[in-house]
Amino acid sequence: MTDIQGKRLLVLGGTSASYDIVRNAKEMGIYTIVTDDCPTEERVAKQIADDTALVSTADIEGLMALAAEKQADGVFCGPSEFNLRNVIALCERSGLPCYTTTEIWDRCANKDVFKSYCRKYGVDCTPEYDITLETGKEELEKIKYPIIIKPVDGCSSAGITVCRCADEVPAALDKAYAASKSKKIIAEKYIENGGEIFSVRYLLRDGDAYPYFMMDTYVADPIHRTSLISGFTHAPSKYAKYYMENMDAAVRRMLKGMGLQNGTAFIQSLPCDGKIYFHEMGYRLSGGMMFKLTEPLVGINDMKLMLRYAVGGEAVTDEELSGLDLTLGGRIGAQLMMPLEVGTIGRIEGVEKIKSHPATVDYIQYYGVGDTVTPKHIGTLGQHFCRATFICDTEEEAVATLEYFRDSIVVYDTEGNRMNRLLFDTSRLSK
């Protein structure tokens, strides 16, 4: 990291989403300047930064002046798509390094465009239906249900609904359009696979893509489908062999054809009946901060790699590529998320049991006593109480650790009712 020691990084946004950005950058010897329009005492990332400013992350002219004043060598942000667009715009206007462009970012962020590239390169993707607000009841009744309706440019699981019949479509369309800035939606066949998601992550260097991590994620509520958010993530993936033999080469060609050059990308898909159906991708850091698993398992911290590139360093080194191991050396990496029901938190039990467990590598808690989960949080990442990341040597140890974590934490509302009632069923792992 000696080539970037003392470099100066402007970080957009001072919320918890930027906390790890600042922490990792400082570990690398990078000088950090965090800016947004809120005072330091309200922003955790500002509290650990080397310098702060009160310029809005949406004020591109103000950010350009700030970057010049602070002699910034680069600019970056957390997984916020709003701030990331501003990072790209700022870099394009100021000439600072950026791993992508607005044009390429839009190709990846738009689910409809992404799927068009899948079809072009022969990569399986979920079947779609042509549905709009004007689609009549008669046409809707011809569709084979269930289907899933979501915004083409959505994030954080907002605006997503699974429809079991034609009568549920109008409300789902309204919800998806409300969550879409572009006012465009996509309707797809809902893949009935028990709520399983396969994800693959790639490192990119000068247009070449290298797979480095594959994982299986199980949605929290596959039965009622009101919480189509992650409940548990397990790596390595049981679909890794199929993917490498049947899809990896085409996907590498696709990513190159889309224009991706450097950085990190992840693709989410639905395994079903012996196939894997892609449905969306992200060309950014993920909200799950998977580097907390990949760094101890395969030596890759994609956040540090992207920070390095942001201040003019190398995207991915030969040494980093040589250490990639999709089998993770036989170890198991996992994350357990705990969704809450609506209510105000009155009491929390068991957190220290998880924090002190020898398998724990990270624990993030999003709510505390007095915080409220509202109906608008249900079905989005805002429903999660915590995210516990752990590593085990065997599958049996991983299942036992998962069950211990799951049963240890109990969150009660102010009336004494349990708020984390949606508990992960470990029998799903063997299906």
Protein backbone atom coordinates (compact mmCIF):
# COMPACT_ATOMS: atom_id res chain seq x y z
CA MET A 1 0.00 0.00 0.00
CA THR A 2 3.04 2.29 0.07
CA ASP A 3 2.10 3.94 -3.25
CA ILE A 4 -1.07 5.38 -1.72
CA GLN A 5 0.25 6.40 1.71
CA GLY A 6 -0.80 9.97 2.41
CA LYS A 7 -3.25 10.19 -0.51
CA ARG A 8 -6.32 12.31 0.21
CA LEU A 9 -9.83 10.89 -0.25
CA LEU A 10 -13.10 12.81 -0.28
CA VAL A 11 -15.90 10.59 1.07
CA LEU A 12 -19.50 11.48 0.20
CA GLY A 13 -21.87 10.88 3.11
CA GLY A 14 -21.18 10.61 6.82
CA THR A 15 -23.75 7.99 7.83
CA SER A 16 -23.02 4.45 8.98
CA ALA A 17 -22.89 3.44 5.29
CA SER A 18 -19.56 5.30 5.07
CA TYR A 19 -18.16 4.24 8.42
CA ASP A 20 -16.28 1.22 7.05
CA ILE A 21 -15.09 3.29 4.08
CA VAL A 22 -13.36 5.73 6.42
CA ARG A 23 -12.07 3.00 8.73
CA ASN A 24 -10.56 0.96 5.89
CA ALA A 25 -9.10 4.01 4.17
CA LYS A 26 -7.36 5.12 7.37
CA GLU A 27 -5.94 1.61 7.83
CA MET A 28 -4.43 2.00 4.35
CA GLY A 29 -2.80 5.31 5.27
CA ILE A 30 -5.24 7.42 3.27
CA TYR A 31 -6.24 10.85 4.63
CA THR A 32 -10.05 11.05 4.75
CA ILE A 33 -12.36 14.05 4.33
CA VAL A 34 -16.05 13.28 4.89
CA THR A 35 -18.72 15.65 3.64
CA ASP A 36 -22.50 16.01 3.75
CA ASP A 37 -24.90 18.67 5.02
CA CYS A 38 -25.15 17.38 8.61
CA PRO A 39 -22.97 18.29 11.63
CA THR A 40 -20.28 15.91 12.87
CA GLU A 41 -22.13 14.94 16.04
CA GLU A 42 -24.93 13.46 13.87
CA ARG A 43 -22.64 11.46 11.56
CA VAL A 44 -20.61 8.47 12.74
CA ALA A 45 -18.27 8.46 9.73
CA LYS A 46 -17.42 12.11 10.32
CA GLN A 47 -16.53 11.33 13.91
CA ILE A 48 -13.61 9.09 12.86
CA ALA A 49 -12.52 11.03 9.75
CA ASP A 50 -9.33 13.11 9.52
CA ASP A 51 -11.31 16.12 8.25
CA THR A 52 -14.95 17.03 7.61
CA ALA A 53 -16.99 19.49 5.55
CA LEU A 54 -20.60 20.69 5.33
CA VAL A 55 -21.14 20.41 1.57
CA SER A 56 -24.18 18.44 0.39
CA THR A 57 -23.40 15.26 -1.54
CA ALA A 58 -25.88 16.45 -4.20
CA ASP A 59 -24.05 19.77 -4.77
CA ILE A 60 -21.67 18.83 -7.59
CA GLU A 61 -20.35 22.38 -8.02
CA GLY A 62 -19.75 22.66 -4.29
CA LEU A 63 -18.06 19.24 -4.24
CA MET A 64 -15.76 20.23 -7.10
CA ALA A 65 -14.68 23.32 -5.18
CA LEU A 66 -14.23 21.26 -2.02
CA ALA A 67 -12.15 18.61 -3.81
CA ALA A 68 -9.90 21.33 -5.19
CA GLU A 69 -9.62 23.09 -1.84
CA LYS A 70 -8.73 19.88 0.03
CA GLN A 71 -6.44 18.71 -2.79
CA ALA A 72 -8.32 15.40 -2.97
CA ASP A 73 -6.66 12.61 -4.97
CA GLY A 74 -9.95 10.74 -5.23
CA VAL A 75 -13.57 10.50 -4.18
CA PHE A 76 -15.63 7.56 -2.95
CA CYS A 77 -18.77 6.59 -1.02
CA GLY A 78 -20.52 3.62 0.59
CA PRO A 79 -23.13 1.44 -1.16
CA SER A 80 -25.61 4.35 -1.49
CA GLU A 81 -26.67 4.48 -5.15
CA PHE A 82 -27.62 8.15 -4.80
CA ASN A 83 -24.15 9.09 -3.58
CA LEU A 84 -22.47 6.77 -6.07
CA ARG A 85 -24.08 8.60 -8.97
CA ASN A 86 -22.74 11.84 -7.51
CA VAL A 87 -19.27 10.29 -7.16
CA ILE A 88 -19.32 9.33 -10.85
CA ALA A 89 -20.56 12.78 -11.91
CA LEU A 90 -17.92 14.52 -9.79
CA CYS A 91 -15.13 12.33 -11.18
CA GLU A 92 -16.26 12.84 -14.77
CA ARG A 93 -16.23 16.62 -14.34
CA SER A 94 -13.07 16.91 -12.24
CA GLY A 95 -10.90 14.23 -13.86
CA LEU A 96 -10.47 12.27 -10.62
CA PRO A 97 -10.14 8.45 -10.96
CA CYS A 98 -13.38 6.43 -11.09
CA TYR A 99 -13.89 2.74 -11.75
CA THR A 100 -16.95 3.36 -13.95
CA THR A 101 -18.85 5.93 -16.00
CA THR A 102 -22.45 7.09 -15.90
CA GLU A 103 -23.21 5.18 -19.11
CA ILE A 104 -21.78 1.88 -17.87
CA TRP A 105 -23.32 2.32 -14.42
CA ASP A 106 -26.76 2.75 -15.99
CA ARG A 107 -26.37 -0.48 -17.96
CA CYS A 108 -25.72 -2.39 -14.75
CA ALA A 109 -28.23 -0.65 -12.48
CA ASN A 110 -31.20 -1.02 -14.83
CA LYS A 111 -32.58 -4.56 -14.44
CA ASP A 112 -34.21 -4.46 -17.88
CA VAL A 113 -31.00 -3.43 -19.67
CA PHE A 114 -28.96 -5.97 -17.72
CA LYS A 115 -31.27 -8.78 -18.78
CA SER A 116 -31.03 -7.68 -22.41
CA TYR A 117 -27.26 -8.25 -22.16
CA CYS A 118 -27.89 -11.66 -20.62
CA ARG A 119 -29.99 -12.65 -23.60
CA LYS A 120 -27.40 -11.26 -26.03
CA TYR A 121 -24.63 -13.41 -24.53
CA GLY A 122 -26.71 -16.54 -24.02
CA VAL A 123 -26.95 -16.31 -20.24
CA ASP A 124 -30.17 -17.67 -18.73
CA CYS A 125 -32.36 -15.02 -17.07
CA THR A 126 -35.83 -14.98 -15.54
CA PRO A 127 -38.76 -14.87 -18.03
CA GLU A 128 -40.60 -11.53 -18.23
CA TYR A 129 -44.16 -10.35 -18.79
CA ASP A 130 -45.21 -7.16 -20.56
CA ILE A 131 -47.32 -5.50 -17.88
CA THR A 132 -48.12 -1.80 -17.40
CA LEU A 133 -50.73 0.25 -15.55
CA GLU A 134 -52.83 0.07 -18.71
CA THR A 135 -52.84 -3.75 -18.93
CA GLY A 136 -56.44 -4.94 -18.67
CA LYS A 137 -57.86 -7.51 -16.27
CA GLU A 138 -58.48 -9.97 -19.09
CA GLU A 139 -54.82 -9.91 -20.13
CA LEU A 140 -53.63 -10.20 -16.53
CA GLU A 141 -55.73 -13.31 -16.02
CA LYS A 142 -53.93 -15.06 -18.90
CA ILE A 143 -50.61 -14.93 -17.02
CA LYS A 144 -49.36 -17.95 -15.12
CA TYR A 145 -48.89 -16.94 -11.49
CA PRO A 146 -47.06 -16.27 -9.21
CA ILE A 147 -45.11 -13.37 -10.68
CA ILE A 148 -42.85 -10.77 -9.08
CA ILE A 149 -43.15 -7.05 -9.83
CA LYS A 150 -40.38 -4.58 -9.00
CA PRO A 151 -38.84 -1.28 -10.17
CA VAL A 152 -36.14 -1.63 -12.82
CA ASP A 153 -33.94 0.78 -10.87
CA GLY A 154 -34.82 -0.23 -7.33
CA CYS A 155 -32.49 -1.06 -4.46
CA SER A 156 -32.64 -2.29 -0.84
CA SER A 157 -35.55 -4.58 -1.83
CA ALA A 158 -37.92 -1.59 -2.00
CA GLY A 159 -41.03 -1.73 -4.22
CA ILE A 160 -41.06 -5.53 -4.64
CA THR A 161 -44.23 -7.61 -4.52
CA VAL A 162 -45.03 -11.24 -5.32
CA CYS A 163 -48.48 -11.53 -6.92
CA ARG A 164 -50.43 -14.78 -6.65
CA CYS A 165 -53.29 -13.70 -8.91
CA ALA A 166 -54.41 -10.92 -11.27
CA ASP A 167 -56.26 -9.05 -8.51
CA GLU A 168 -52.96 -8.36 -6.71
CA VAL A 169 -51.21 -6.80 -9.71
CA PRO A 170 -52.62 -3.20 -9.61
CA ALA A 171 -51.44 -2.58 -6.03
CA ALA A 172 -48.05 -4.16 -6.83
CA LEU A 173 -47.65 -1.89 -9.85
CA ASP A 174 -48.42 1.18 -7.76
CA LYS A 175 -45.84 0.10 -5.17
CA ALA A 176 -43.15 -0.56 -7.79
CA TYR A 177 -43.75 2.70 -9.67
CA ALA A 178 -43.60 4.63 -6.40
CA ALA A 179 -40.14 3.14 -5.69
CA SER A 180 -38.82 3.80 -9.21
CA LYS A 181 -37.15 7.09 -10.06
CA SER A 182 -37.40 6.29 -13.77
CA LYS A 183 -41.05 5.21 -13.37
CA LYS A 184 -40.34 1.89 -15.04
CA ILE A 185 -41.11 -1.56 -13.68
CA ILE A 186 -40.33 -5.13 -14.56
CA ALA A 187 -42.63 -8.13 -14.15
CA GLU A 188 -41.05 -11.58 -14.04
CA LYS A 189 -42.00 -15.17 -13.42
CA TYR A 190 -41.58 -15.83 -9.70
CA ILE A 191 -39.20 -18.75 -9.47
CA GLU A 192 -40.51 -21.25 -6.93
CA ASN A 193 -37.32 -22.57 -5.38
CA GLY A 194 -37.88 -22.25 -1.65
CA GLY A 195 -36.53 -18.72 -1.48
CA GLU A 196 -32.94 -19.40 -2.56
CA ILE A 197 -30.60 -16.92 -4.28
CA PHE A 198 -27.24 -17.71 -5.86
CA SER A 199 -24.73 -14.85 -6.04
CA VAL A 200 -21.35 -14.64 -7.74
CA ARG A 201 -18.80 -11.88 -7.27
CA TYR A 202 -16.16 -10.81 -9.79
CA LEU A 203 -13.01 -8.73 -9.59
CA LEU A 204 -12.35 -6.62 -12.68
CA ARG A 205 -8.98 -5.51 -13.97
CA ASP A 206 -8.62 -3.65 -17.27
CA GLY A 207 -11.72 -5.30 -18.71
CA ASP A 208 -11.01 -8.86 -17.58
CA ALA A 209 -13.25 -10.48 -14.97
CA TYR A 210 -12.23 -13.00 -12.30
CA PRO A 211 -14.77 -14.85 -10.12
CA TYR A 212 -13.66 -14.87 -6.49
CA PHE A 213 -16.66 -15.65 -4.29
CA MET A 214 -19.94 -17.56 -4.66
CA MET A 215 -22.64 -17.83 -2.03
CA ASP A 216 -26.18 -19.03 -1.45
CA THR A 217 -28.65 -16.70 0.25
CA TYR A 218 -31.98 -17.80 1.70
CA VAL A 219 -34.77 -15.21 1.87
CA ALA A 220 -36.30 -14.66 5.29
CA ASP A 221 -39.90 -15.47 4.40
CA PRO A 222 -40.32 -17.82 1.41
CA ILE A 223 -43.77 -18.94 2.56
CA HIS A 224 -45.77 -15.73 2.95
CA ARG A 225 -43.35 -13.73 0.74
CA THR A 226 -43.86 -10.50 2.68
CA SER A 227 -40.16 -10.36 3.62
CA LEU A 228 -38.21 -11.18 0.46
CA ILE A 229 -35.00 -10.04 2.13
CA SER A 230 -31.95 -12.06 3.07
CA GLY A 231 -32.24 -14.29 6.13
CA PHE A 232 -29.05 -16.34 5.88
CA THR A 233 -26.04 -16.45 3.56
CA HIS A 234 -23.71 -19.44 3.14
CA ALA A 235 -20.43 -19.82 1.26
CA PRO A 236 -19.09 -21.59 -0.69
CA SER A 237 -22.12 -22.11 -2.89
CA LYS A 238 -23.42 -25.58 -3.65
CA TYR A 239 -23.93 -24.36 -7.25
CA ALA A 240 -20.29 -23.36 -7.82
CA LYS A 241 -19.36 -26.39 -9.94
CA TYR A 242 -22.40 -26.02 -12.24
CA TYR A 243 -21.77 -22.30 -12.60
CA MET A 244 -18.10 -22.60 -13.50
CA GLU A 245 -18.74 -25.37 -16.02
CA ASN A 246 -21.80 -23.87 -17.70
CA MET A 247 -21.94 -20.09 -17.20
CA ASP A 248 -18.68 -18.43 -16.14
CA ALA A 249 -17.13 -18.09 -19.61
CA ALA A 250 -20.28 -16.49 -21.07
CA VAL A 251 -20.61 -14.15 -18.11
CA ARG A 252 -17.02 -12.98 -18.45
CA ARG A 253 -17.69 -12.17 -22.11
CA MET A 254 -20.89 -10.38 -21.11
CA LEU A 255 -19.19 -8.19 -18.51
CA LYS A 256 -16.54 -7.22 -21.03
CA GLY A 257 -19.24 -6.51 -23.61
CA MET A 258 -21.03 -4.27 -21.12
CA GLY A 259 -17.87 -2.21 -20.82
CA LEU A 260 -16.90 -3.01 -17.23
CA GLN A 261 -13.22 -2.25 -16.68
CA ASN A 262 -12.20 -2.22 -13.00
CA GLY A 263 -13.66 -2.62 -9.55
CA THR A 264 -16.04 -5.28 -8.30
CA ALA A 265 -19.38 -6.60 -9.52
CA PHE A 266 -21.90 -9.03 -8.10
CA ILE A 267 -24.71 -10.87 -9.87
CA GLN A 268 -27.79 -12.33 -8.20
CA SER A 269 -29.73 -15.23 -9.63
CA LEU A 270 -32.33 -17.88 -8.89
CA PRO A 271 -31.39 -21.57 -9.09
CA CYS A 272 -34.26 -23.83 -10.15
CA ASP A 273 -34.67 -27.22 -11.84
CA GLY A 274 -30.99 -27.61 -12.66
CA LYS A 275 -30.49 -24.12 -14.07
CA ILE A 276 -29.47 -20.70 -12.76
CA TYR A 277 -31.53 -17.68 -13.87
CA PHE A 278 -29.90 -14.25 -13.59
CA HIS A 279 -32.16 -11.36 -12.60
CA GLU A 280 -29.99 -8.42 -11.48
CA MET A 281 -26.47 -7.20 -10.84
CA GLY A 282 -24.61 -4.53 -8.94
CA TYR A 283 -21.46 -2.76 -10.07
CA ARG A 284 -20.52 -1.47 -6.63
CA LEU A 285 -19.86 -2.52 -3.07
CA SER A 286 -22.74 -4.49 -1.60
CA GLY A 287 -24.75 -3.41 1.42
CA GLY A 288 -23.83 -6.71 3.06
CA MET A 289 -20.16 -5.70 3.18
CA MET A 290 -19.04 -9.15 2.06
CA PHE A 291 -15.37 -8.18 2.41
CA LYS A 292 -15.80 -9.12 6.06
CA LEU A 293 -15.99 -12.72 4.84
CA THR A 294 -13.79 -12.62 1.75
CA GLU A 295 -10.81 -10.96 3.42
CA PRO A 296 -10.22 -13.67 6.06
CA LEU A 297 -11.23 -16.47 3.65
CA VAL A 298 -9.46 -15.56 0.38
CA GLY A 299 -7.50 -12.40 1.19
CA ILE A 300 -9.72 -10.12 -0.89
CA ASN A 301 -11.17 -6.92 0.58
CA ASP A 302 -13.02 -5.38 -2.36
CA MET A 303 -13.55 -2.17 -0.41
CA LYS A 304 -9.79 -1.68 -0.01
CA LEU A 305 -9.22 -2.57 -3.66
CA MET A 306 -11.73 0.05 -4.79
CA LEU A 307 -10.37 2.63 -2.34
CA ARG A 308 -6.89 1.99 -3.71
CA TYR A 309 -8.09 2.53 -7.26
CA ALA A 310 -10.03 5.66 -6.25
CA VAL A 311 -6.82 7.44 -5.23
CA GLY A 312 -4.84 6.34 -8.28
CA GLY A 313 -3.55 2.94 -7.20
CA GLU A 314 -3.70 -0.45 -8.93
CA ALA A 315 -7.14 -2.05 -9.29
CA VAL A 316 -6.15 -5.68 -8.64
CA THR A 317 -2.64 -7.05 -8.23
CA ASP A 318 -1.22 -10.32 -9.61
CA GLU A 319 -0.64 -11.46 -6.03
CA GLU A 320 -4.31 -10.94 -5.15
CA LEU A 321 -5.46 -12.90 -8.19
CA SER A 322 -3.07 -15.76 -7.46
CA GLY A 323 -4.64 -16.31 -4.03
CA LEU A 324 -8.22 -16.81 -5.25
CA ASP A 325 -9.87 -20.05 -4.09
CA LEU A 326 -13.56 -20.62 -4.76
CA THR A 327 -13.56 -23.57 -2.32
CA LEU A 328 -12.47 -21.25 0.52
CA GLY A 329 -9.98 -23.86 1.64
CA GLY A 330 -12.80 -26.05 2.91
CA ARG A 331 -14.03 -23.47 5.41
CA ILE A 332 -17.57 -22.07 5.69
CA GLY A 333 -18.38 -18.35 5.68
CA ALA A 334 -21.85 -17.23 6.72
CA GLN A 335 -24.06 -14.31 7.68
CA LEU A 336 -27.24 -14.46 9.73
CA MET A 337 -29.75 -11.61 9.45
CA MET A 338 -32.65 -11.21 11.87
CA PRO A 339 -35.81 -9.49 10.61
CA LEU A 340 -38.16 -7.77 13.05
CA GLU A 341 -41.92 -7.34 13.18
CA VAL A 342 -43.54 -3.89 13.50
CA GLY A 343 -43.15 -2.28 16.91
CA THR A 344 -40.98 -0.19 19.23
CA ILE A 345 -38.06 -2.00 20.85
CA GLY A 346 -38.30 -2.23 24.62
CA ARG A 347 -35.68 -4.85 25.52
CA ILE A 348 -32.88 -6.79 23.81
CA GLU A 349 -31.30 -10.01 25.07
CA GLY A 350 -28.37 -12.15 23.94
CA VAL A 351 -26.23 -9.75 21.91
CA GLU A 352 -23.09 -10.38 23.96
CA LYS A 353 -23.39 -14.13 23.35
CA ILE A 354 -22.88 -13.50 19.65
CA LYS A 355 -20.21 -10.83 20.00
CA SER A 356 -18.08 -13.04 22.24
CA HIS A 357 -18.48 -16.25 20.20
CA PRO A 358 -15.14 -17.51 18.79
CA ALA A 359 -16.59 -17.96 15.28
CA THR A 360 -17.81 -14.34 15.04
CA VAL A 361 -15.84 -12.06 12.72
CA ASP A 362 -18.30 -9.16 12.67
CA TYR A 363 -21.58 -8.08 14.24
CA ILE A 364 -23.63 -5.08 13.07
CA GLN A 365 -26.79 -3.96 14.89
CA TYR A 366 -29.14 -1.55 13.17
CA TYR A 367 -31.64 -0.88 15.98
CA GLY A 368 -31.51 -0.20 19.71
CA VAL A 369 -33.97 0.18 22.58
CA GLY A 370 -36.49 2.88 21.74
CA ASP A 371 -36.21 2.50 17.96
CA THR A 372 -39.34 1.71 15.97
CA VAL A 373 -39.91 -0.64 13.04
CA THR A 374 -42.82 0.64 10.95
CA PRO A 375 -44.89 -1.07 8.22
CA LYS A 376 -42.80 0.72 5.56
CA HIS A 377 -39.73 -1.21 6.75
CA ILE A 378 -41.32 -4.63 6.20
CA GLY A 379 -39.94 -6.29 3.08
CA THR A 380 -36.92 -3.95 2.89
CA LEU A 381 -33.43 -4.14 4.37
CA GLY A 382 -34.70 -1.74 7.05
CA GLN A 383 -36.49 -4.73 8.61
CA HIS A 384 -33.18 -6.29 9.72
CA PHE A 385 -32.24 -5.99 13.38
CA CYS A 386 -28.65 -7.19 12.93
CA ARG A 387 -26.15 -8.94 10.69
CA ALA A 388 -23.83 -11.51 12.31
CA THR A 389 -20.87 -12.70 10.21
CA PHE A 390 -19.02 -15.88 11.17
CA ILE A 391 -16.53 -18.43 9.86
CA CYS A 392 -16.41 -22.14 10.73
CA ASP A 393 -14.16 -25.07 9.78
CA THR A 394 -16.95 -27.54 8.97
CA GLU A 395 -20.55 -27.58 7.80
CA GLU A 396 -21.71 -29.17 11.04
CA GLU A 397 -20.02 -26.45 13.06
CA ALA A 398 -21.61 -23.76 10.87
CA VAL A 399 -25.13 -25.14 11.38
CA ALA A 400 -24.62 -25.39 15.14
CA THR A 401 -23.30 -21.82 15.25
CA LEU A 402 -26.23 -20.56 13.20
CA GLU A 403 -28.72 -22.20 15.56
CA TYR A 404 -26.93 -20.81 18.61
CA PHE A 405 -26.95 -17.27 17.18
CA ARG A 406 -30.57 -17.57 16.05
CA ASP A 407 -31.76 -18.72 19.47
CA SER A 408 -29.61 -16.36 21.54
CA ILE A 409 -30.97 -12.96 20.52
CA VAL A 410 -34.49 -12.05 21.56
CA VAL A 411 -35.93 -8.61 20.82
CA TYR A 412 -39.06 -7.53 22.72
CA ASP A 413 -41.33 -4.59 22.02
CA THR A 414 -42.50 -2.18 24.73
CA GLU A 415 -45.46 -4.45 25.51
CA GLY A 416 -43.29 -7.54 26.02
CA ASN A 417 -44.05 -9.21 22.67
CA ARG A 418 -41.24 -10.85 20.72
CA MET A 419 -40.32 -8.86 17.60
CA ASN A 420 -37.93 -11.36 15.96
CA ARG A 421 -40.42 -14.17 15.42
CA LEU A 422 -39.29 -15.01 11.88
CA LEU A 423 -36.53 -17.48 12.78
CA PHE A 424 -34.39 -19.21 10.15
CA ASP A 425 -35.13 -22.91 9.67
CA THR A 426 -31.80 -24.75 9.26
CA SER A 427 -33.51 -27.67 7.50
CA ARG A 428 -33.59 -25.42 4.42
CA LEU A 429 -29.83 -25.85 4.07
CA SER A 430 -30.11 -29.54 3.23
CA LYS A 431 -32.71 -29.16 0.48
